[in-house]
Protein backbone atom coordinates (compact mmCIF):
# COMPACT_ATOMS: atom_id res chain seq x y z
CA MET A 1 12.81 32.24 -29.47
CA PRO A 2 15.41 34.53 -27.85
CA PRO A 3 18.53 34.97 -30.05
CA GLN A 4 20.90 33.25 -27.58
CA ASN A 5 18.76 30.04 -27.75
CA ASP A 6 18.54 30.07 -31.55
CA PRO A 7 21.05 27.49 -32.93
CA PHE A 8 21.54 29.66 -36.03
CA PHE A 9 22.10 32.91 -34.10
CA ASP A 10 25.49 34.45 -34.90
CA PRO A 11 26.35 37.34 -32.57
CA GLN A 12 29.02 38.49 -35.07
CA ALA A 13 26.51 38.83 -37.91
CA ALA A 14 25.23 42.28 -38.78
CA GLN A 15 21.92 43.28 -37.22
CA PRO A 16 19.39 45.12 -39.40
CA GLY A 17 20.56 48.68 -39.96
CA GLN A 18 24.20 47.93 -38.98
CA GLN A 19 27.33 47.62 -41.09
CA PRO A 20 28.53 44.00 -41.62
CA PRO A 21 31.69 43.07 -39.67
CA ALA A 22 34.98 43.45 -41.55
CA GLN A 23 36.09 40.28 -43.34
CA ARG A 24 39.51 38.92 -42.49
CA ALA A 25 41.79 38.23 -45.46
CA VAL A 26 42.40 34.56 -46.18
CA GLU A 27 46.02 33.66 -46.86
CA PRO A 28 46.63 31.44 -49.88
CA ALA A 29 47.78 27.87 -49.25
CA PRO A 30 51.42 27.10 -50.02
CA PRO A 31 51.99 25.51 -53.44
CA GLN A 32 52.05 21.73 -53.55
CA VAL A 33 54.89 19.88 -55.24
CA ALA A 34 54.19 16.64 -57.06
CA ASN A 35 56.30 13.60 -56.21
CA ALA A 36 57.73 12.13 -59.41
CA SER A 37 58.99 8.94 -57.74
CA PRO A 38 57.21 5.73 -58.80
CA GLY A 39 54.87 4.34 -56.16
CA GLY A 40 54.89 7.58 -54.21
CA ALA A 41 58.09 6.58 -52.43
CA PRO A 42 60.34 9.45 -51.41
CA SER A 43 63.30 10.02 -53.69
CA GLY A 44 66.79 9.54 -52.41
CA GLY A 45 67.89 6.10 -53.49
CA SER A 46 65.28 3.90 -51.81
CA THR A 47 63.99 1.09 -53.99
CA ARG A 48 60.45 -0.17 -54.14
CA ALA A 49 61.54 -3.69 -53.19
CA GLY A 50 63.18 -2.33 -50.03
CA ALA A 51 60.05 -0.44 -48.93
CA VAL A 52 57.98 -3.44 -47.88
CA SER A 53 56.51 -1.44 -44.97
CA THR A 54 54.11 0.41 -47.32
CA ARG A 55 51.17 -0.66 -49.46
CA ASP A 56 53.14 0.04 -52.64
CA GLY A 57 56.10 -1.94 -51.26
CA VAL A 58 54.15 -5.20 -51.07
CA ILE A 59 52.77 -5.06 -54.61
CA GLY A 60 54.18 -7.80 -56.82
CA SER A 61 54.88 -11.50 -56.92
CA TRP A 62 55.63 -13.49 -53.75
CA THR A 63 56.52 -17.09 -52.95
CA ALA A 64 54.31 -18.38 -50.15
CA GLN A 65 55.77 -20.99 -47.79
CA GLU A 66 52.91 -23.00 -46.33
CA ALA A 67 53.05 -24.71 -42.92
CA THR A 68 52.92 -28.11 -44.68
CA GLY A 69 56.26 -27.33 -46.34
CA GLY A 70 54.75 -26.65 -49.75
CA SER A 71 55.14 -23.42 -51.65
CA CYS A 72 53.04 -21.49 -54.13
CA ARG A 73 52.90 -18.09 -55.85
CA VAL A 74 50.86 -15.15 -54.56
CA GLN A 75 50.43 -12.07 -56.75
CA LEU A 76 49.41 -8.78 -55.07
CA SER A 77 48.20 -6.33 -57.72
CA SER A 78 47.80 -2.56 -57.62
CA SER A 79 44.48 -2.86 -59.51
CA PRO A 80 41.57 -1.81 -57.30
CA SER A 81 38.69 -4.18 -56.65
CA LEU A 82 35.99 -2.24 -54.78
CA ASP A 83 37.60 -1.24 -51.45
CA LEU A 84 40.46 -3.76 -51.83
CA TYR A 85 43.10 -4.68 -54.42
CA ARG A 86 43.18 -7.70 -56.73
CA ALA A 87 45.23 -10.76 -55.78
CA ASN A 88 45.58 -14.36 -56.83
CA ALA A 89 47.36 -17.47 -55.66
CA THR A 90 48.51 -20.33 -57.89
CA GLY A 91 49.76 -23.77 -56.96
CA CYS A 92 48.77 -23.57 -53.27
CA SER A 93 47.79 -26.78 -51.48
CA ASN A 94 45.84 -24.92 -48.75
CA ARG A 95 42.21 -24.65 -49.87
CA ASP A 96 41.77 -21.20 -48.33
CA LEU A 97 44.87 -19.84 -50.09
CA GLN A 98 43.54 -21.22 -53.38
CA GLN A 99 40.55 -18.89 -52.99
CA VAL A 100 42.54 -15.65 -52.48
CA ASN A 101 41.25 -12.95 -54.82
CA ALA A 102 41.86 -9.65 -52.96
CA TRP A 103 44.22 -8.02 -50.47
CA ASP A 104 44.62 -4.87 -48.38
CA TYR A 105 47.36 -3.17 -46.33
CA ARG A 106 46.28 -1.71 -42.97
CA ASP A 107 48.24 -0.75 -39.88
CA GLY A 108 51.40 -2.49 -41.09
CA GLU A 109 49.64 -5.75 -41.94
CA VAL A 110 48.70 -7.41 -45.21
CA TYR A 111 45.26 -9.03 -45.24
CA LEU A 112 44.48 -11.68 -47.87
CA TYR A 113 40.77 -12.14 -48.71
CA GLN A 114 38.70 -14.74 -50.52
CA ARG A 115 35.42 -14.36 -52.42
CA GLY A 116 32.70 -13.15 -50.08
CA GLY A 117 35.11 -10.99 -48.07
CA ALA A 118 36.41 -13.51 -45.51
CA VAL A 119 39.98 -12.93 -44.33
CA VAL A 120 42.18 -15.85 -45.40
CA ALA A 121 45.43 -14.71 -43.75
CA ARG A 122 47.09 -11.82 -41.92
CA LEU A 123 50.79 -11.12 -42.39
CA ARG A 124 53.29 -8.66 -40.87
CA VAL A 125 56.57 -7.54 -42.38
CA GLY A 126 59.44 -9.44 -40.81
CA SER A 127 63.20 -9.31 -41.12
CA GLY A 128 64.70 -9.12 -44.58
CA GLY A 129 61.46 -7.95 -46.20
CA ALA A 130 59.62 -11.25 -45.73
CA MET A 131 56.04 -11.24 -44.43
CA ASN A 132 55.06 -13.70 -41.72
CA GLY A 133 51.64 -14.56 -40.38
CA ALA A 134 48.99 -17.24 -40.24
CA ILE A 135 46.00 -18.67 -42.04
CA THR A 136 42.94 -17.31 -40.25
CA LYS A 137 40.82 -20.52 -40.02
CA SER A 138 43.51 -23.01 -39.05
CA GLY A 139 46.17 -20.80 -37.45
CA ALA A 140 48.78 -22.53 -39.63
CA GLY A 141 51.90 -20.46 -40.26
CA LEU A 142 52.41 -18.69 -43.57
CA SER A 143 55.31 -16.63 -44.90
CA LEU A 144 55.74 -14.68 -48.12
CA ASN A 145 59.18 -14.04 -49.63
CA ARG A 146 60.26 -12.31 -52.83
């Protein structure tokens, strides 16, 4: 096979009987500084409760307002569970919410999951740090407040 058709041919590599090409010096990477703020939030006075627009900002206990007018507690944990994070809901009248056991934060939305991986609800951060969305199966409204 001619060298130009060989996928491994490197025209810069030394040919037999030639000196190898000069190696270019590699510059060291700049030092990295660890962030000592809890939750990875930037320092400067911001509180974790005020940073609801991040995954770490939604961790904690929430009061869910169901479309039927009832309320229940939803806990979003920082403990990993496979590719998701652990969650639970207590006192919910909606059967799908009762089955919540995991959650994730992607593209500014919180996804609540039940056993088997089905999405129970999708929520977006609204005004005042509340999250608003809907139950996936029924389309019924759902909001979470601190």
